[in-house]
N, C-alpha and C. Protein backbone atom coordinates (compact mmCIF):
# COMPACT_ATOMS: atom_id res chain seq x y z
N MET A 1 -58.32 -30.58 -25.72
CA MET A 1 -57.77 -29.51 -27.05
C MET A 1 -56.49 -28.99 -26.51
N THR A 2 -55.75 -28.67 -27.39
CA THR A 2 -54.50 -27.65 -27.37
C THR A 2 -54.28 -26.79 -28.25
N GLU A 3 -53.87 -25.75 -27.83
CA GLU A 3 -53.75 -24.37 -28.60
C GLU A 3 -52.48 -24.06 -28.78
N ASN A 4 -52.08 -23.59 -29.77
CA ASN A 4 -51.02 -23.04 -30.03
C ASN A 4 -50.34 -21.59 -29.57
N LEU A 5 -49.89 -21.50 -28.39
CA LEU A 5 -49.74 -19.86 -27.70
C LEU A 5 -48.39 -19.46 -27.92
N ILE A 6 -48.26 -18.06 -28.37
CA ILE A 6 -47.17 -17.36 -28.46
C ILE A 6 -46.69 -16.64 -27.08
N VAL A 7 -45.87 -16.67 -26.38
CA VAL A 7 -45.47 -16.48 -25.10
C VAL A 7 -44.20 -15.70 -25.13
N ARG A 8 -44.42 -14.34 -24.56
CA ARG A 8 -42.96 -13.52 -24.65
C ARG A 8 -42.55 -13.16 -23.37
N VAL A 9 -41.23 -13.77 -23.00
CA VAL A 9 -40.70 -13.82 -21.59
C VAL A 9 -39.50 -12.64 -21.59
N LEU A 10 -39.75 -11.85 -20.44
CA LEU A 10 -38.44 -11.13 -20.46
C LEU A 10 -37.44 -11.67 -19.58
N ARG A 11 -36.16 -11.56 -20.48
CA ARG A 11 -35.13 -12.17 -20.01
C ARG A 11 -34.36 -10.92 -19.60
N VAL A 12 -33.80 -11.08 -18.22
CA VAL A 12 -32.90 -10.18 -17.68
C VAL A 12 -31.59 -10.80 -16.82
N ALA A 13 -30.51 -10.44 -17.22
CA ALA A 13 -29.19 -10.88 -16.94
C ALA A 13 -28.74 -10.48 -15.69
N GLY A 14 -29.40 -9.68 -14.98
CA GLY A 14 -28.91 -9.07 -13.60
C GLY A 14 -29.68 -8.01 -13.32
N PRO A 15 -29.61 -7.44 -11.86
CA PRO A 15 -30.57 -6.56 -11.40
C PRO A 15 -30.49 -5.11 -11.80
N ASP A 16 -29.14 -5.10 -12.70
CA ASP A 16 -29.30 -3.72 -13.25
C ASP A 16 -29.18 -3.45 -14.84
N SER A 17 -29.65 -5.11 -15.20
CA SER A 17 -29.86 -5.12 -16.81
C SER A 17 -31.20 -4.41 -16.93
N ALA A 18 -31.62 -3.99 -18.44
CA ALA A 18 -32.81 -3.76 -18.62
C ALA A 18 -33.73 -4.89 -19.22
N GLY A 19 -32.77 -5.77 -19.80
CA GLY A 19 -33.74 -7.06 -20.02
C GLY A 19 -34.26 -7.22 -21.74
N VAL A 20 -34.34 -8.19 -22.34
CA VAL A 20 -34.81 -8.40 -23.75
C VAL A 20 -35.65 -9.26 -23.56
N PHE A 21 -36.99 -8.99 -24.32
CA PHE A 21 -38.13 -10.21 -24.37
C PHE A 21 -37.69 -11.02 -25.60
N GLN A 22 -37.93 -12.35 -25.12
CA GLN A 22 -37.75 -13.76 -25.92
C GLN A 22 -39.01 -14.30 -26.38
N THR A 23 -39.23 -14.73 -27.57
CA THR A 23 -40.91 -15.31 -27.73
C THR A 23 -40.46 -16.61 -27.89
N PHE A 24 -41.57 -17.44 -27.56
CA PHE A 24 -41.33 -19.02 -27.58
C PHE A 24 -43.03 -18.84 -27.89
N GLN A 25 -42.85 -20.28 -29.03
CA GLN A 25 -44.18 -20.95 -29.20
C GLN A 25 -44.52 -22.17 -28.63
N VAL A 26 -45.75 -22.25 -27.70
CA VAL A 26 -46.02 -23.61 -27.06
C VAL A 26 -47.31 -24.13 -27.15
N ASN A 27 -47.58 -25.40 -27.26
CA ASN A 27 -48.55 -26.14 -27.28
C ASN A 27 -49.21 -26.02 -26.09
N CYS A 28 -50.37 -25.55 -25.95
CA CYS A 28 -50.94 -25.30 -24.50
C CYS A 28 -52.22 -26.21 -23.87
N ALA A 29 -52.21 -27.03 -23.21
CA ALA A 29 -53.26 -27.95 -22.87
C ALA A 29 -54.42 -26.98 -22.37
N SER A 30 -55.66 -27.53 -22.36
CA SER A 30 -56.87 -26.79 -21.74
C SER A 30 -56.83 -26.08 -20.31
N ARG A 31 -55.98 -26.95 -19.44
CA ARG A 31 -55.74 -26.57 -18.17
C ARG A 31 -54.44 -26.39 -17.55
N MET A 32 -53.35 -25.63 -18.49
CA MET A 32 -52.32 -25.57 -18.15
C MET A 32 -52.25 -24.13 -17.28
N SER A 33 -51.41 -24.09 -16.39
CA SER A 33 -51.33 -22.87 -15.42
C SER A 33 -49.81 -22.19 -16.39
N VAL A 34 -49.62 -21.14 -15.82
CA VAL A 34 -48.61 -20.11 -16.48
C VAL A 34 -47.34 -20.69 -15.84
N LEU A 35 -47.30 -21.64 -14.57
CA LEU A 35 -46.12 -22.37 -14.39
C LEU A 35 -45.73 -23.64 -15.03
N ASP A 36 -47.08 -24.17 -15.56
CA ASP A 36 -46.71 -25.36 -16.51
C ASP A 36 -46.44 -24.94 -17.48
N VAL A 37 -46.86 -23.49 -18.30
CA VAL A 37 -46.11 -22.91 -19.73
C VAL A 37 -44.46 -22.79 -19.40
N LEU A 38 -44.14 -22.10 -18.49
CA LEU A 38 -42.83 -21.84 -18.32
C LEU A 38 -41.94 -23.30 -18.02
N THR A 39 -42.58 -24.07 -17.20
CA THR A 39 -41.98 -25.36 -17.03
C THR A 39 -41.64 -26.25 -18.40
N GLN A 40 -42.66 -26.05 -19.26
CA GLN A 40 -42.53 -26.61 -20.69
C GLN A 40 -41.52 -26.00 -21.30
N ILE A 41 -41.33 -24.74 -21.30
CA ILE A 41 -40.65 -23.94 -22.24
C ILE A 41 -39.08 -24.45 -21.70
N GLN A 42 -38.87 -24.40 -20.51
CA GLN A 42 -37.49 -24.96 -19.74
C GLN A 42 -37.20 -25.90 -20.43
N SER A 43 -38.13 -27.12 -20.12
CA SER A 43 -37.70 -28.59 -20.35
C SER A 43 -37.45 -28.89 -21.98
N ILE A 44 -38.44 -28.26 -22.77
CA ILE A 44 -38.17 -28.81 -24.20
C ILE A 44 -37.68 -27.69 -24.87
N GLN A 45 -37.57 -26.23 -24.61
CA GLN A 45 -37.02 -25.32 -25.95
C GLN A 45 -35.98 -24.69 -25.13
N ASP A 46 -35.71 -24.24 -24.06
CA ASP A 46 -34.63 -23.42 -23.49
C ASP A 46 -34.25 -23.96 -22.04
N SER A 47 -33.24 -24.86 -21.99
CA SER A 47 -32.87 -25.13 -20.62
C SER A 47 -32.25 -24.05 -19.70
N THR A 48 -31.66 -22.94 -20.42
CA THR A 48 -31.40 -21.99 -19.69
C THR A 48 -32.34 -20.93 -18.99
N LEU A 49 -33.69 -20.98 -19.59
CA LEU A 49 -34.73 -20.16 -18.55
C LEU A 49 -34.59 -20.49 -17.25
N ALA A 50 -34.63 -19.46 -16.25
CA ALA A 50 -34.61 -19.87 -15.08
C ALA A 50 -36.01 -18.79 -14.34
N PHE A 51 -36.55 -19.20 -13.70
CA PHE A 51 -37.54 -18.15 -12.78
C PHE A 51 -37.57 -18.98 -11.33
N ARG A 52 -38.41 -17.96 -10.62
CA ARG A 52 -38.44 -18.66 -9.13
C ARG A 52 -40.13 -18.72 -9.06
N TYR A 53 -40.39 -19.78 -8.19
CA TYR A 53 -41.61 -20.16 -7.82
C TYR A 53 -41.65 -20.70 -6.31
N SER A 54 -42.89 -20.71 -6.10
CA SER A 54 -43.26 -21.43 -4.52
C SER A 54 -44.61 -21.79 -4.56
N CYS A 55 -45.35 -21.55 -5.55
CA CYS A 55 -47.15 -22.02 -5.20
C CYS A 55 -47.21 -23.29 -5.11
N ARG A 56 -46.46 -24.30 -5.63
CA ARG A 56 -46.83 -25.65 -5.35
C ARG A 56 -45.55 -26.41 -4.55
N ALA A 57 -44.85 -25.48 -3.87
CA ALA A 57 -43.94 -25.96 -3.13
C ALA A 57 -44.70 -26.75 -1.86
N GLY A 58 -45.72 -26.65 -1.51
CA GLY A 58 -46.16 -27.76 -0.42
C GLY A 58 -46.87 -29.02 -1.04
N MET A 59 -46.83 -29.36 -2.37
CA MET A 59 -47.35 -30.29 -3.20
C MET A 59 -47.07 -31.35 -2.84
């Protein structure tokens, strides 16, 4: 089963930037993690989306 989610991501240009929220619509499968959602946005909708993660580095 999939759900259509609305995801708001805070986009920040640098350490002194206030940032702006950007909204994405994502078809989310039942067991997707937040990291899965972010990588889907990056690969399908906006390749400029950048984020740091290490939760699956050892997998």
